[in-house]
C-alpha atoms as a PDB file:
ATOM      1  CA  MET A   1     253.031 -90.548-128.528  1.00  0.00           C
ATOM      2  CA  PRO A   2     250.968 -89.215-125.536  1.00  0.00           C
ATOM      3  CA  LYS A   3     249.123 -86.067-125.753  1.00  0.00           C
ATOM      4  CA  SER A   4     250.010 -83.470-123.160  1.00  0.00           C
ATOM      5  CA  PRO A   5     246.980 -81.910-121.258  1.00  0.00           C
ATOM      6  CA  PRO A   6     245.905 -78.469-122.764  1.00  0.00           C
ATOM      7  CA  THR A   7     247.118 -75.253-120.873  1.00  0.00           C
ATOM      8  CA  LEU A   8     244.396 -73.387-119.367  1.00  0.00           C
ATOM      9  CA  THR A   9     245.017 -69.571-119.309  1.00  0.00           C
ATOM     10  CA  ALA A  10     242.407 -67.587-117.235  1.00  0.00           C
ATOM     11  CA  THR A  11     242.532 -64.158-115.639  1.00  0.00           C
ATOM     12  CA  VAL A  12     240.266 -63.416-112.775  1.00  0.00           C
ATOM     13  CA  SER A  13     239.390 -59.619-112.534  1.00  0.00           C
ATOM     14  CA  ALA A  14     239.370 -58.029-108.918  1.00  0.00           C
ATOM     15  CA  PRO A  15     236.006 -56.445-108.421  1.00  0.00           C
ATOM     16  CA  ALA A  16     235.775 -52.655-108.532  1.00  0.00           C
ATOM     17  CA  ARG A  17     235.591 -50.938-105.216  1.00  0.00           C
ATOM     18  CA  SER A  18     232.016 -49.739-104.707  1.00  0.00           C
ATOM     19  CA  PRO A  19     231.995 -46.156-104.583  1.00  0.00           C
ATOM     20  CA  ARG A  20     229.274 -46.501-101.757  1.00  0.00           C
ATOM     21  CA  LEU A  21     231.575 -48.536 -99.617  1.00  0.00           C
ATOM     22  CA  VAL A  22     234.112 -45.687 -99.615  1.00  0.00           C
ATOM     23  CA  TRP A  23     231.349 -43.029 -99.247  1.00  0.00           C
ATOM     24  CA  LEU A  24     230.176 -44.845 -96.238  1.00  0.00           C
ATOM     25  CA  LEU A  25     233.763 -45.175 -94.414  1.00  0.00           C
ATOM     26  CA  GLY A  26     234.038 -41.576 -93.162  1.00  0.00           C
ATOM     27  CA  PRO A  27     230.917 -41.727 -91.101  1.00  0.00           C
ATOM     28  CA  ALA A  28     231.773 -45.118 -89.946  1.00  0.00           C
ATOM     29  CA  MET A  29     235.051 -44.085 -88.627  1.00  0.00           C
ATOM     30  CA  VAL A  30     233.388 -41.137 -86.946  1.00  0.00           C
ATOM     31  CA  ALA A  31     230.981 -43.530 -85.221  1.00  0.00           C
ATOM     32  CA  GLY A  32     233.730 -45.985 -84.157  1.00  0.00           C
ATOM     33  CA  VAL A  33     235.659 -43.097 -82.651  1.00  0.00           C
ATOM     34  CA  ALA A  34     232.691 -41.810 -80.909  1.00  0.00           C
ATOM     35  CA  TYR A  35     231.778 -45.084 -79.499  1.00  0.00           C
ATOM     36  CA  LEU A  36     235.230 -45.337 -78.022  1.00  0.00           C
ATOM     37  CA  ASP A  37     235.774 -41.941 -76.715  1.00  0.00           C
ATOM     38  CA  PRO A  38     232.711 -39.679 -76.771  1.00  0.00           C
ATOM     39  CA  GLY A  39     233.742 -36.973 -74.497  1.00  0.00           C
ATOM     40  CA  ASN A  40     236.762 -36.277 -76.847  1.00  0.00           C
ATOM     41  CA  VAL A  41     234.509 -36.574 -80.050  1.00  0.00           C
ATOM     42  CA  ALA A  42     232.108 -34.169 -78.579  1.00  0.00           C
ATOM     43  CA  SER A  43     234.703 -31.369 -77.507  1.00  0.00           C
ATOM     44  CA  ASN A  44     236.326 -31.725 -81.248  1.00  0.00           C
ATOM     45  CA  MET A  45     232.909 -31.384 -83.055  1.00  0.00           C
ATOM     46  CA  THR A  46     232.240 -28.283 -80.836  1.00  0.00           C
ATOM     47  CA  ALA A  47     235.777 -26.842 -81.535  1.00  0.00           C
ATOM     48  CA  GLY A  48     235.401 -27.581 -85.398  1.00  0.00           C
ATOM     49  CA  ALA A  49     231.811 -25.782 -85.241  1.00  0.00           C
ATOM     50  CA  ARG A  50     233.271 -22.762 -83.573  1.00  0.00           C
ATOM     51  CA  TYR A  51     236.518 -22.443 -85.144  1.00  0.00           C
ATOM     52  CA  GLY A  52     236.001 -24.071 -88.811  1.00  0.00           C
END
């Protein structure tokens, strides 16, 4: 009687998200928006500094 090939079972764990990557996303988004529309970002920053 022929033998069946062994069944392989393996789990692949996804890498954990780096806290540093998440920490850098905020400034990256601000820089990206400032690149696209610098006047609007400057006025928003001024208003935020003035009115909190």
